[in-house]
Amino acid sequence: MSKEGKRGRSDCATAGALELVGDRWSLLIIRDYIFKGSREYSDFIAMEEGISTNILIARLKWLTDLGFLIKKPHPTNKKKFYYELTDKGFDLIDTIMTLAQWSWKHLPVAFSPPEVKKAWSEDHNTFREEWRERMAERSREYLVD
C-alpha cells in the first residue's frame, strides 16, 4: 500500500481507495468502531474474525497515519490509549454498508441485524446521521466512564 497523497499504481479512484483501505482488516476495524463501539486495542483484538496482534497493531498505525483514526491517551489509565474515528473514517460507512448489502444478496450466510438492514434500505442519509449520533454519544459516555 502507498501512503495517501503519493501516486499509486494507477490513477483509478477505485484502485486508489483500495490501496488505502482494501486490505481485509481496515474496514472491519472501522466497522467495529462504528457499530460495536470498539475504542481500545483490547476491543479490536476481540473481534470475531480473529485478527492477530501484529496485524492489528500495523492496521491501527496505518489508519492513524492516514487520518482515519486519532490515537489518544486513555482518560483514566495513562498506560493505555484509545482511538477516535475521524470524519474521513466515518465517511466509509457507505462503503461498509454497500459491501454488506452486496453480501445480503450474494452470500447466504451473511448476517446483519434486521433493524440495520431495514434502516439502511429505507434511507441511507437518515441511517448515516443516526449512526453518527450513536457514535458521538458512545464517545461522550466513554470519556465519562
C-alpha atoms as a PDB file:
ATOM      1  CA  MET A   1       0.000   0.000   0.000  1.00  0.00           C
ATOM      2  CA  SER A   2       1.125   3.552  -0.596  1.00  0.00           C
ATOM      3  CA  LYS A   3       0.598   6.476   1.738  1.00  0.00           C
ATOM      4  CA  GLU A   4      -2.175   8.899   0.920  1.00  0.00           C
ATOM      5  CA  GLY A   5      -1.097  11.739  -1.303  1.00  0.00           C
ATOM      6  CA  LYS A   6       1.528   9.733  -3.142  1.00  0.00           C
ATOM      7  CA  ARG A   7       0.792   8.425  -6.585  1.00  0.00           C
ATOM      8  CA  GLY A   8      -0.220   4.786  -6.525  1.00  0.00           C
ATOM      9  CA  ARG A   9      -0.058   2.215  -9.259  1.00  0.00           C
ATOM     10  CA  SER A  10      -2.974   3.769 -11.093  1.00  0.00           C
ATOM     11  CA  ASP A  11      -4.947   6.996 -11.413  1.00  0.00           C
ATOM     12  CA  CYS A  12      -8.162   4.978 -10.959  1.00  0.00           C
ATOM     13  CA  ALA A  13     -10.216   6.219  -7.998  1.00  0.00           C
ATOM     14  CA  THR A  14     -11.227   2.686  -7.012  1.00  0.00           C
ATOM     15  CA  ALA A  15      -7.630   1.463  -7.112  1.00  0.00           C
ATOM     16  CA  GLY A  16      -6.528   4.453  -5.034  1.00  0.00           C
ATOM     17  CA  ALA A  17      -9.146   3.767  -2.357  1.00  0.00           C
ATOM     18  CA  LEU A  18      -8.233   0.082  -2.288  1.00  0.00           C
ATOM     19  CA  GLU A  19      -4.580   0.959  -1.753  1.00  0.00           C
ATOM     20  CA  LEU A  20      -5.644   2.744   1.451  1.00  0.00           C
ATOM     21  CA  VAL A  21      -8.384   0.530   2.911  1.00  0.00           C
ATOM     22  CA  GLY A  22      -8.547  -2.506   0.631  1.00  0.00           C
ATOM     23  CA  ASP A  23      -6.883  -4.961   2.967  1.00  0.00           C
ATOM     24  CA  ARG A  24      -9.089  -7.379   4.894  1.00  0.00           C
ATOM     25  CA  TRP A  25      -8.807  -5.629   8.254  1.00  0.00           C
ATOM     26  CA  SER A  26      -9.093  -1.859   7.813  1.00  0.00           C
ATOM     27  CA  LEU A  27     -12.805  -1.757   7.059  1.00  0.00           C
ATOM     28  CA  LEU A  28     -13.501  -4.316   9.799  1.00  0.00           C
ATOM     29  CA  ILE A  29     -11.726  -2.122  12.349  1.00  0.00           C
ATOM     30  CA  ILE A  30     -13.779   0.874  11.220  1.00  0.00           C
ATOM     31  CA  ARG A  31     -16.947  -1.289  11.201  1.00  0.00           C
ATOM     32  CA  ASP A  32     -16.331  -2.310  14.804  1.00  0.00           C
ATOM     33  CA  TYR A  33     -15.680   1.280  15.811  1.00  0.00           C
ATOM     34  CA  ILE A  34     -18.965   2.489  14.301  1.00  0.00           C
ATOM     35  CA  PHE A  35     -21.303  -0.404  15.012  1.00  0.00           C
ATOM     36  CA  LYS A  36     -19.830  -2.115  18.079  1.00  0.00           C
ATOM     37  CA  GLY A  37     -18.325   0.822  19.913  1.00  0.00           C
ATOM     38  CA  SER A  38     -14.760  -0.505  19.834  1.00  0.00           C
ATOM     39  CA  ARG A  39     -12.321   2.120  21.075  1.00  0.00           C
ATOM     40  CA  GLU A  40      -9.311   0.330  22.549  1.00  0.00           C
ATOM     41  CA  TYR A  41      -6.803  -2.247  21.381  1.00  0.00           C
ATOM     42  CA  SER A  42      -8.493  -4.834  23.634  1.00  0.00           C
ATOM     43  CA  ASP A  43     -11.839  -4.203  21.891  1.00  0.00           C
ATOM     44  CA  PHE A  44     -10.389  -4.650  18.418  1.00  0.00           C
ATOM     45  CA  ILE A  45      -8.330  -7.737  19.249  1.00  0.00           C
ATOM     46  CA  ALA A  46     -11.582  -9.390  20.417  1.00  0.00           C
ATOM     47  CA  MET A  47     -13.284  -9.020  17.003  1.00  0.00           C
ATOM     48  CA  GLU A  48     -14.922 -12.266  15.943  1.00  0.00           C
ATOM     49  CA  GLU A  49     -12.859 -12.512  12.754  1.00  0.00           C
ATOM     50  CA  GLY A  50      -9.751 -13.195  14.835  1.00  0.00           C
ATOM     51  CA  ILE A  51      -7.186 -10.557  13.880  1.00  0.00           C
ATOM     52  CA  SER A  52      -3.631 -11.301  15.022  1.00  0.00           C
ATOM     53  CA  THR A  53      -1.866  -8.877  17.339  1.00  0.00           C
ATOM     54  CA  ASN A  54       0.841  -7.876  14.860  1.00  0.00           C
ATOM     55  CA  ILE A  55      -1.686  -7.208  12.087  1.00  0.00           C
ATOM     56  CA  LEU A  56      -3.922  -5.205  14.439  1.00  0.00           C
ATOM     57  CA  ILE A  57      -1.031  -3.042  15.609  1.00  0.00           C
ATOM     58  CA  ALA A  58       0.020  -2.421  11.990  1.00  0.00           C
ATOM     59  CA  ARG A  59      -3.529  -1.589  10.841  1.00  0.00           C
ATOM     60  CA  LEU A  60      -4.238   0.759  13.753  1.00  0.00           C
ATOM     61  CA  LYS A  61      -0.979   2.591  12.981  1.00  0.00           C
ATOM     62  CA  TRP A  62      -1.816   2.661   9.246  1.00  0.00           C
ATOM     63  CA  LEU A  63      -5.323   4.022   9.848  1.00  0.00           C
ATOM     64  CA  THR A  64      -3.929   6.597  12.283  1.00  0.00           C
ATOM     65  CA  ASP A  65      -1.153   7.676   9.913  1.00  0.00           C
ATOM     66  CA  LEU A  66      -3.695   8.149   7.115  1.00  0.00           C
ATOM     67  CA  GLY A  67      -6.086  10.187   9.274  1.00  0.00           C
ATOM     68  CA  PHE A  68      -8.926   7.663   9.595  1.00  0.00           C
ATOM     69  CA  LEU A  69      -8.317   7.320  13.349  1.00  0.00           C
ATOM     70  CA  ILE A  70      -6.779   9.506  16.027  1.00  0.00           C
ATOM     71  CA  LYS A  71      -4.833   7.824  18.835  1.00  0.00           C
ATOM     72  CA  LYS A  72      -5.358   9.485  22.212  1.00  0.00           C
ATOM     73  CA  PRO A  73      -4.171   8.852  25.769  1.00  0.00           C
ATOM     74  CA  HIS A  74      -6.731   6.961  27.840  1.00  0.00           C
ATOM     75  CA  PRO A  75      -8.573   9.338  30.200  1.00  0.00           C
ATOM     76  CA  THR A  76      -8.109   7.186  33.320  1.00  0.00           C
ATOM     77  CA  ASN A  77      -5.121   4.959  32.571  1.00  0.00           C
ATOM     78  CA  LYS A  78      -2.049   6.758  31.264  1.00  0.00           C
ATOM     79  CA  LYS A  79      -0.510   3.453  30.114  1.00  0.00           C
ATOM     80  CA  LYS A  80      -3.338   2.883  27.637  1.00  0.00           C
ATOM     81  CA  PHE A  81      -4.626   4.557  24.505  1.00  0.00           C
ATOM     82  CA  TYR A  82      -7.974   4.750  22.779  1.00  0.00           C
ATOM     83  CA  TYR A  83      -8.955   5.673  19.245  1.00  0.00           C
ATOM     84  CA  GLU A  84     -11.349   8.237  17.844  1.00  0.00           C
ATOM     85  CA  LEU A  85     -12.758   7.882  14.350  1.00  0.00           C
ATOM     86  CA  THR A  86     -12.356  10.968  12.179  1.00  0.00           C
ATOM     87  CA  ASP A  87     -14.913  12.254   9.692  1.00  0.00           C
ATOM     88  CA  LYS A  88     -12.739  10.729   6.990  1.00  0.00           C
ATOM     89  CA  GLY A  89     -13.082   7.354   8.693  1.00  0.00           C
ATOM     90  CA  PHE A  90     -16.808   7.739   9.265  1.00  0.00           C
ATOM     91  CA  ASP A  91     -17.303   8.534   5.580  1.00  0.00           C
ATOM     92  CA  LEU A  92     -16.520   4.856   4.929  1.00  0.00           C
ATOM     93  CA  ILE A  93     -19.878   3.884   6.468  1.00  0.00           C
ATOM     94  CA  ASP A  94     -21.457   3.916   2.998  1.00  0.00           C
ATOM     95  CA  THR A  95     -18.720   1.628   1.672  1.00  0.00           C
ATOM     96  CA  ILE A  96     -19.152  -0.764   4.598  1.00  0.00           C
ATOM     97  CA  MET A  97     -22.926  -0.838   4.190  1.00  0.00           C
ATOM     98  CA  THR A  98     -22.752  -1.250   0.406  1.00  0.00           C
ATOM     99  CA  LEU A  99     -20.465  -4.260   0.907  1.00  0.00           C
ATOM    100  CA  ALA A 100     -22.933  -5.603   3.494  1.00  0.00           C
ATOM    101  CA  GLN A 101     -25.831  -5.074   1.089  1.00  0.00           C
ATOM    102  CA  TRP A 102     -23.962  -6.972  -1.623  1.00  0.00           C
ATOM    103  CA  SER A 103     -23.322  -9.780   0.887  1.00  0.00           C
ATOM    104  CA  TRP A 104     -27.007  -9.993   1.852  1.00  0.00           C
ATOM    105  CA  LYS A 105     -27.797 -10.633  -1.788  1.00  0.00           C
ATOM    106  CA  HIS A 106     -24.947 -12.981  -2.734  1.00  0.00           C
ATOM    107  CA  LEU A 107     -23.768 -14.749   0.421  1.00  0.00           C
ATOM    108  CA  PRO A 108     -26.401 -16.986   2.001  1.00  0.00           C
ATOM    109  CA  VAL A 109     -24.801 -16.845   5.467  1.00  0.00           C
ATOM    110  CA  ALA A 110     -24.229 -13.062   5.583  1.00  0.00           C
ATOM    111  CA  PHE A 111     -25.759 -11.597   8.729  1.00  0.00           C
ATOM    112  CA  SER A 112     -26.613  -8.129   9.868  1.00  0.00           C
ATOM    113  CA  PRO A 113     -29.267  -7.294  12.453  1.00  0.00           C
ATOM    114  CA  PRO A 114     -32.648  -6.982  10.693  1.00  0.00           C
ATOM    115  CA  GLU A 115     -33.137  -3.436  12.017  1.00  0.00           C
ATOM    116  CA  VAL A 116     -29.814  -2.399  10.448  1.00  0.00           C
ATOM    117  CA  LYS A 117     -30.762  -3.902   7.084  1.00  0.00           C
ATOM    118  CA  LYS A 118     -34.193  -2.246   7.198  1.00  0.00           C
ATOM    119  CA  ALA A 119     -32.871   1.190   8.208  1.00  0.00           C
ATOM    120  CA  TRP A 120     -30.142   1.138   5.524  1.00  0.00           C
ATOM    121  CA  SER A 121     -32.610   0.003   2.856  1.00  0.00           C
ATOM    122  CA  GLU A 122     -35.129   2.722   3.723  1.00  0.00           C
ATOM    123  CA  ASP A 123     -32.927   5.823   3.808  1.00  0.00           C
ATOM    124  CA  HIS A 124     -29.135   5.939   3.607  1.00  0.00           C
ATOM    125  CA  ASN A 125     -28.887   9.568   4.761  1.00  0.00           C
ATOM    126  CA  THR A 126     -31.016   9.037   7.864  1.00  0.00           C
ATOM    127  CA  PHE A 127     -29.112   5.823   8.630  1.00  0.00           C
ATOM    128  CA  ARG A 128     -25.780   7.628   8.360  1.00  0.00           C
ATOM    129  CA  GLU A 129     -26.852  10.505  10.613  1.00  0.00           C
ATOM    130  CA  GLU A 130     -28.375   8.177  13.235  1.00  0.00           C
ATOM    131  CA  TRP A 131     -25.136   6.183  13.438  1.00  0.00           C
ATOM    132  CA  ARG A 132     -23.060   9.357  13.572  1.00  0.00           C
ATOM    133  CA  GLU A 133     -25.110  10.438  16.597  1.00  0.00           C
ATOM    134  CA  ARG A 134     -24.854   6.994  18.226  1.00  0.00           C
ATOM    135  CA  MET A 135     -21.100   7.088  17.739  1.00  0.00           C
ATOM    136  CA  ALA A 136     -20.870  10.591  19.253  1.00  0.00           C
ATOM    137  CA  GLU A 137     -22.966   9.509  22.234  1.00  0.00           C
ATOM    138  CA  ARG A 138     -20.734   6.481  22.821  1.00  0.00           C
ATOM    139  CA  SER A 139     -17.682   8.745  22.702  1.00  0.00           C
ATOM    140  CA  ARG A 140     -19.196  11.076  25.298  1.00  0.00           C
ATOM    141  CA  GLU A 141     -20.061   8.106  27.533  1.00  0.00           C
ATOM    142  CA  TYR A 142     -16.594   6.603  27.052  1.00  0.00           C
ATOM    143  CA  LEU A 143     -14.888   9.756  28.262  1.00  0.00           C
ATOM    144  CA  VAL A 144     -17.124   9.899  31.348  1.00  0.00           C
ATOM    145  CA  ASP A 145     -16.605   6.260  32.385  1.00  0.00           C
END
